[in-house]
Protein backbone atom coordinates (compact mmCIF):
# COMPACT_ATOMS: atom_id res chain seq x y z
CA MET A 1 0.00 0.00 0.00
CA SER A 2 1.44 3.36 -1.06
CA PHE A 3 1.87 6.22 1.35
CA ASP A 4 -1.24 8.42 1.59
CA ILE A 5 -0.72 11.52 3.72
CA GLU A 6 -4.50 12.03 3.99
CA ARG A 7 -4.73 8.93 6.16
CA MET A 8 -2.78 10.75 8.88
CA ASN A 9 -5.84 12.81 9.73
CA LYS A 10 -8.33 11.71 12.36
CA LEU A 11 -11.21 13.21 10.37
CA PRO A 12 -12.33 13.31 6.73
CA PRO A 13 -11.76 16.65 4.94
CA GLU A 14 -15.35 17.86 5.35
CA ALA A 15 -15.30 17.26 9.12
CA ARG A 16 -11.92 18.82 9.95
CA PHE A 17 -11.43 21.91 12.10
CA LEU A 18 -8.41 24.04 12.95
CA ASP A 19 -6.63 22.21 15.78
CA VAL A 20 -4.01 24.44 17.43
CA ASN A 21 -2.06 21.38 18.58
CA ASP A 22 -1.12 20.59 14.97
CA PHE A 23 1.08 23.70 14.85
CA TRP A 24 3.53 22.30 17.41
CA CYS A 25 4.29 19.17 15.36
CA PHE A 26 3.97 20.31 11.74
CA PRO A 27 7.18 18.50 10.55
CA ASN A 28 5.66 15.16 11.55
CA ARG A 29 4.33 14.48 8.06
CA TRP A 30 7.88 14.14 6.74
CA VAL A 31 8.89 11.95 9.67
CA VAL A 32 5.83 9.72 9.16
CA LYS A 33 6.58 9.50 5.43
CA PHE A 34 10.16 8.42 6.26
CA LEU A 35 9.01 5.82 8.81
CA TYR A 36 6.16 4.44 6.70
CA PRO A 37 8.14 1.92 4.58
CA LEU A 38 10.23 0.80 7.58
CA SER A 39 9.36 -2.03 9.96
CA ILE A 40 9.05 0.39 12.87
CA THR A 41 5.66 0.10 14.55
CA PRO A 42 3.55 2.85 16.15
CA THR A 43 3.90 1.08 19.51
CA GLN A 44 7.69 1.33 19.27
CA ILE A 45 7.35 5.08 18.66
CA THR A 46 5.08 5.30 21.71
CA ILE A 47 7.75 3.58 23.82
CA LEU A 48 10.34 6.04 22.47
CA SER A 49 8.07 8.89 23.57
CA LEU A 50 8.06 7.39 27.07
CA ILE A 51 11.86 7.24 27.08
CA ALA A 52 12.07 10.87 25.89
CA GLY A 53 9.68 11.88 28.65
CA LEU A 54 11.69 10.07 31.33
CA VAL A 55 14.93 11.65 30.08
CA SER A 56 13.17 15.02 30.30
CA VAL A 57 12.30 14.30 33.94
CA CYS A 58 15.92 13.39 34.68
CA CYS A 59 17.16 16.59 33.06
CA TYR A 60 14.68 18.68 35.05
CA MET A 61 16.19 17.19 38.19
CA ILE A 62 19.52 18.88 37.37
CA ASP A 63 19.61 22.03 39.46
CA SER A 64 20.70 24.51 36.79
CA SER A 65 19.38 26.45 33.81
CA VAL A 66 21.06 23.84 31.57
CA GLY A 67 18.88 21.18 33.20
CA LEU A 68 15.78 23.23 32.43
CA MET A 69 16.86 23.69 28.81
CA TRP A 70 17.49 19.96 28.18
CA GLY A 71 14.38 19.04 30.11
CA ALA A 72 12.35 21.30 27.83
CA LEU A 73 13.97 19.91 24.66
CA PHE A 74 13.33 16.28 25.63
CA LEU A 75 9.80 17.14 26.71
CA TYR A 76 9.22 18.59 23.25
CA LEU A 77 10.66 15.40 21.73
CA LYS A 78 8.14 13.44 23.79
CA ILE A 79 5.33 15.68 22.49
CA PHE A 80 6.52 15.26 18.92
CA LEU A 81 6.82 11.46 19.12
CA ASP A 82 3.44 11.30 20.81
CA ASN A 83 2.02 12.95 17.71
CA VAL A 84 3.97 10.79 15.28
CA ASP A 85 2.83 7.45 16.73
CA GLY A 86 -0.86 8.20 16.18
CA ASN A 87 -0.28 9.52 12.67
CA LEU A 88 1.86 6.51 11.76
CA ALA A 89 -0.80 4.16 13.15
CA ARG A 90 -3.50 5.77 11.01
CA VAL A 91 -1.37 5.75 7.85
CA LYS A 92 -0.48 2.07 8.34
CA GLY A 93 -4.01 1.13 9.35
CA GLU A 94 -2.80 -0.09 12.75
CA VAL A 95 -4.99 2.01 15.04
CA SER A 96 -5.92 -0.13 18.04
CA ARG A 97 -7.31 -0.08 21.55
CA LEU A 98 -3.86 -1.16 22.78
CA GLY A 99 -2.29 1.96 21.31
CA ARG A 100 -5.08 4.12 22.67
CA PHE A 101 -4.64 2.97 26.29
CA LEU A 102 -0.85 2.71 26.17
CA ASP A 103 -0.61 6.26 24.88
CA SER A 104 -2.90 7.58 27.64
CA LEU A 105 -0.99 5.72 30.35
CA ILE A 106 2.35 7.11 29.17
CA ASP A 107 0.90 10.62 28.99
CA PHE A 108 -0.22 10.36 32.61
CA ILE A 109 3.08 8.93 33.88
CA VAL A 110 5.27 11.51 32.12
CA SER A 111 3.00 14.44 32.98
CA PHE A 112 2.84 13.45 36.64
CA LEU A 113 6.62 13.11 36.90
CA VAL A 114 7.30 16.36 35.03
CA TYR A 115 4.96 18.36 37.25
CA LEU A 116 6.42 16.63 40.30
CA VAL A 117 10.06 17.48 39.55
CA LEU A 118 9.25 21.04 38.44
CA THR A 119 7.35 21.61 41.68
CA LEU A 120 10.23 20.07 43.61
CA ARG A 121 12.61 22.52 41.91
CA LEU A 122 10.47 25.47 43.00
CA VAL A 123 10.22 24.24 46.58
CA SER A 124 13.96 23.58 46.70
CA GLU A 125 14.92 26.93 45.15
CA THR A 126 12.60 29.04 47.31
CA ASN A 127 12.29 26.90 50.43
CA ASN A 128 8.55 27.58 50.22
CA SER A 129 6.39 24.50 50.72
CA LEU A 130 3.31 26.32 49.40
CA TYR A 131 4.53 25.58 45.87
CA TRP A 132 3.42 21.98 46.43
CA TYR A 133 -0.15 23.27 46.32
CA LEU A 134 0.52 25.24 43.15
CA GLY A 135 2.14 22.24 41.44
CA GLY A 136 -0.69 19.91 42.47
CA LEU A 137 -3.33 22.39 41.32
CA ALA A 138 -1.53 22.88 37.98
CA PHE A 139 -1.34 19.12 37.38
CA LEU A 140 -5.00 18.70 38.29
CA SER A 141 -5.93 21.60 35.99
CA CYS A 142 -3.93 20.05 33.17
CA LEU A 143 -5.79 16.73 33.55
CA ILE A 144 -9.22 18.40 33.66
CA GLN A 145 -8.51 20.65 30.69
CA CYS A 146 -7.21 17.74 28.63
CA SER A 147 -10.22 15.54 29.50
CA TYR A 148 -12.51 18.45 28.62
CA PHE A 149 -11.05 18.80 25.13
CA VAL A 150 -10.92 15.04 24.53
CA TYR A 151 -14.55 14.62 25.63
CA TYR A 152 -15.83 17.11 23.05
CA LEU A 153 -13.43 15.89 20.37
CA VAL A 154 -14.51 12.25 20.76
CA SER A 155 -18.18 13.27 20.91
CA TYR A 156 -17.67 15.22 17.69
CA THR A 157 -15.87 12.40 15.90
CA SER A 158 -18.56 9.92 16.92
CA ILE A 159 -21.00 11.98 14.87
CA SER A 160 -18.88 11.57 11.73
CA GLY A 161 -18.25 7.89 12.48
CA THR A 162 -14.46 8.22 12.70
CA TYR A 163 -11.77 7.94 15.37
CA LEU A 164 -13.70 5.07 16.97
CA CYS A 165 -10.84 3.66 19.08
CA ASN A 166 -11.64 6.40 21.60
CA ARG A 167 -14.90 6.68 23.51
CA ALA A 168 -16.17 9.61 25.55
CA ASP A 169 -17.00 7.10 28.30
CA GLU A 170 -14.26 4.48 28.66
CA ASN A 171 -15.92 2.58 31.49
CA ILE A 172 -15.70 -1.17 30.92
CA THR A 173 -18.96 -2.40 29.39
CA GLU A 174 -20.48 -5.85 29.17
CA GLU A 175 -19.38 -5.96 25.52
CA ASP A 176 -15.81 -5.22 26.61
CA ASN A 177 -15.87 -8.06 29.15
CA GLU A 178 -17.25 -10.46 26.54
CA ALA A 179 -14.53 -9.41 24.07
CA TYR A 180 -11.85 -10.03 26.71
CA ASP A 181 -13.39 -13.40 27.62
CA ARG A 182 -13.45 -14.47 23.95
CA GLY A 183 -9.85 -13.38 23.47
CA ASP A 184 -10.76 -10.77 20.86
CA LEU A 185 -8.78 -8.32 22.98
CA SER A 186 -5.63 -9.32 24.85
CA ARG A 187 -5.09 -9.43 28.59
CA LEU A 188 -2.67 -6.53 28.18
CA VAL A 189 -5.44 -4.40 26.65
CA CYS A 190 -7.74 -5.48 29.48
CA PHE A 191 -5.14 -4.46 32.09
CA LEU A 192 -4.45 -1.10 30.41
CA HIS A 193 -8.19 -0.48 30.03
CA ARG A 194 -8.79 -1.02 33.76
CA PHE A 195 -5.79 1.14 34.63
CA HIS A 196 -7.09 3.86 32.32
CA VAL A 197 -10.45 3.85 34.12
CA LEU A 198 -8.64 4.07 37.46
CA LEU A 199 -6.58 7.08 36.38
CA TYR A 200 -9.03 8.93 34.15
CA GLY A 201 -12.48 7.64 35.15
CA TRP A 202 -13.16 10.39 37.69
CA GLN A 203 -12.24 13.05 35.14
CA ASP A 204 -14.54 11.54 32.50
CA LYS A 205 -17.43 11.47 34.97
CA ALA A 206 -16.77 15.07 36.04
CA ILE A 207 -16.70 16.34 32.44
CA GLU A 208 -19.77 14.27 31.55
CA TRP A 209 -21.68 15.83 34.47
CA PHE A 210 -20.46 19.29 33.49
CA ASP A 211 -21.60 18.67 29.92
CA ARG A 212 -25.08 17.49 30.99
CA LEU A 213 -25.49 20.59 33.17
CA SER A 214 -24.34 22.86 30.33
CA LYS A 215 -26.70 21.19 27.87
CA ARG A 216 -29.66 21.71 30.23
CA LEU A 217 -28.71 25.37 30.65
CA GLY A 218 -28.33 25.71 26.89
CA SER A 219 -31.92 24.56 26.24
CA LYS A 220 -33.52 25.96 29.42
CA ARG A 221 -35.57 28.66 27.71
CA SER A 222 -36.83 26.43 24.92
CA PRO A 223 -39.03 23.32 24.84
CA GLN A 224 -36.83 21.99 22.04
CA LYS A 225 -34.02 19.61 22.85
CA LEU A 226 -30.54 20.16 21.48
CA SER A 227 -29.52 17.49 18.99
CA ARG A 228 -26.10 15.82 19.20
CA SER A 229 -25.00 17.49 15.98
CA GLU A 230 -26.06 20.92 17.26
CA TRP A 231 -24.31 20.51 20.60
CA TYR A 232 -21.19 18.57 19.62
CA GLY A 233 -20.79 19.57 15.98
CA ASP A 234 -19.51 23.12 16.49
CA LYS A 235 -16.11 23.34 14.75
CA VAL A 236 -15.45 26.88 15.99
CA PHE A 237 -15.89 25.74 19.59
CA LEU A 238 -13.53 22.81 19.01
CA THR A 239 -10.89 25.14 17.59
CA LEU A 240 -11.19 27.48 20.56
CA ILE A 241 -10.85 24.70 23.16
CA SER A 242 -8.07 22.84 21.33
CA PRO A 243 -5.29 24.74 23.22
CA LEU A 244 -6.55 23.04 26.39
CA CYS A 245 -5.26 19.71 25.10
CA LEU A 246 -2.31 18.00 26.82
CA CYS A 247 -0.06 18.80 23.86
CA THR A 248 -0.42 22.57 24.25
CA ASN A 249 -0.27 22.34 28.05
CA ASN A 250 3.07 20.56 27.75
CA MET A 251 4.24 23.08 25.19
CA LEU A 252 3.59 25.79 27.78
CA LEU A 253 5.91 23.93 30.17
CA VAL A 254 8.53 23.76 27.39
CA PHE A 255 8.20 27.49 26.71
CA PHE A 256 8.34 28.61 30.35
CA SER A 257 11.18 26.19 31.09
CA LEU A 258 13.28 27.80 28.38
CA LEU A 259 12.47 31.19 29.94
CA ASN A 260 13.38 29.84 33.38
CA GLU A 261 9.94 30.92 34.61
CA ILE A 262 8.44 27.67 35.87
CA GLU A 263 6.32 29.37 38.54
CA PHE A 264 4.72 31.66 35.96
CA GLY A 265 4.05 28.66 33.72
CA LEU A 266 2.21 26.79 36.46
CA TRP A 267 0.15 29.86 37.31
CA PHE A 268 -0.64 30.33 33.61
CA ILE A 269 -2.04 26.78 33.36
CA VAL A 270 -4.10 27.20 36.53
CA VAL A 271 -5.46 30.70 35.98
CA VAL A 272 -5.57 31.27 32.22
CA GLY A 273 -6.38 27.67 31.27
CA ASN A 274 -9.27 27.28 33.71
CA PHE A 275 -10.59 30.77 32.97
CA CYS A 276 -10.67 30.00 29.25
CA LEU A 277 -12.44 26.70 29.89
CA LEU A 278 -15.20 28.37 31.89
CA ILE A 279 -15.61 31.34 29.55
CA LEU A 280 -15.81 29.11 26.47
CA GLN A 281 -18.39 26.87 28.12
CA VAL A 282 -20.53 29.89 29.03
CA TRP A 283 -20.21 31.08 25.43
CA LYS A 284 -21.30 27.63 24.21
CA ILE A 285 -24.39 27.71 26.44
CA ILE A 286 -25.38 31.22 25.32
CA LYS A 287 -24.83 30.29 21.67
CA ALA A 288 -27.02 27.20 22.03
CA ARG A 289 -29.80 29.26 23.65
CA ASN A 290 -29.68 31.87 20.89
CA ASN A 291 -29.80 29.20 18.17
CA LEU A 292 -32.86 27.58 19.71
CA VAL A 293 -34.60 30.97 19.94
CA LEU A 294 -33.93 31.60 16.25
CA GLU A 295 -35.35 28.21 15.30
CA LYS A 296 -38.71 28.90 17.00
């Protein structure tokens, strides 16, 4: 099968929107084209992204500006490889549930360790234990913001019938258990699936509740119910919330690490990121209300 760059995309041309995260990894198409004829698998690229992330953590532990610089560079390498593995999987037709859960697990591990060592640096440099609260709040904000974007992205892609290896609700269903019992999915996938629910399940439930509340508020003044396409099919909204994805959050850490302003970076994620999330959700609710009024 010849290389088809269009297969890199998660969505068909008519369903695509401007995703800010694509700007950080624009050279990936040439890397994917180079890797395509080779025997390198997407899973191997995912493992390399884990190694790059762990090297980044080790560099961040070096108490100097040089450590921050190398930590940032390896963190960017992790971000880049994290983008390449998914694109390579789509081009090769090897998208799988294994890759989906392995990728999420590695993202959590690396993100947790990066936030941990950066917070430790701040506490060590300032001898102020209050930075533990800032670091924890920044990590929690990063997880919530990422889950928020992923929830609406997956809900959107489910409308177009693409990107089906991800589900908005990843809780283990009866169909999942039957597939594991039949051997259609491996024990490794089963283990990673359960671990994913353990790590991300509370976030998914929180975002799902937040979405239900927003949808009720969006249709409160109208007897009409919002359709899935009306609520989840807004490409402008998806573009505006795309910077809340893990990729851009990590790019902020890269940027502020290079500036040697880790504290400011953590505050930026907590204050600006959460403020944008709330403002955009309010805008979404108001827009939905106005659209229903116009349809009367």
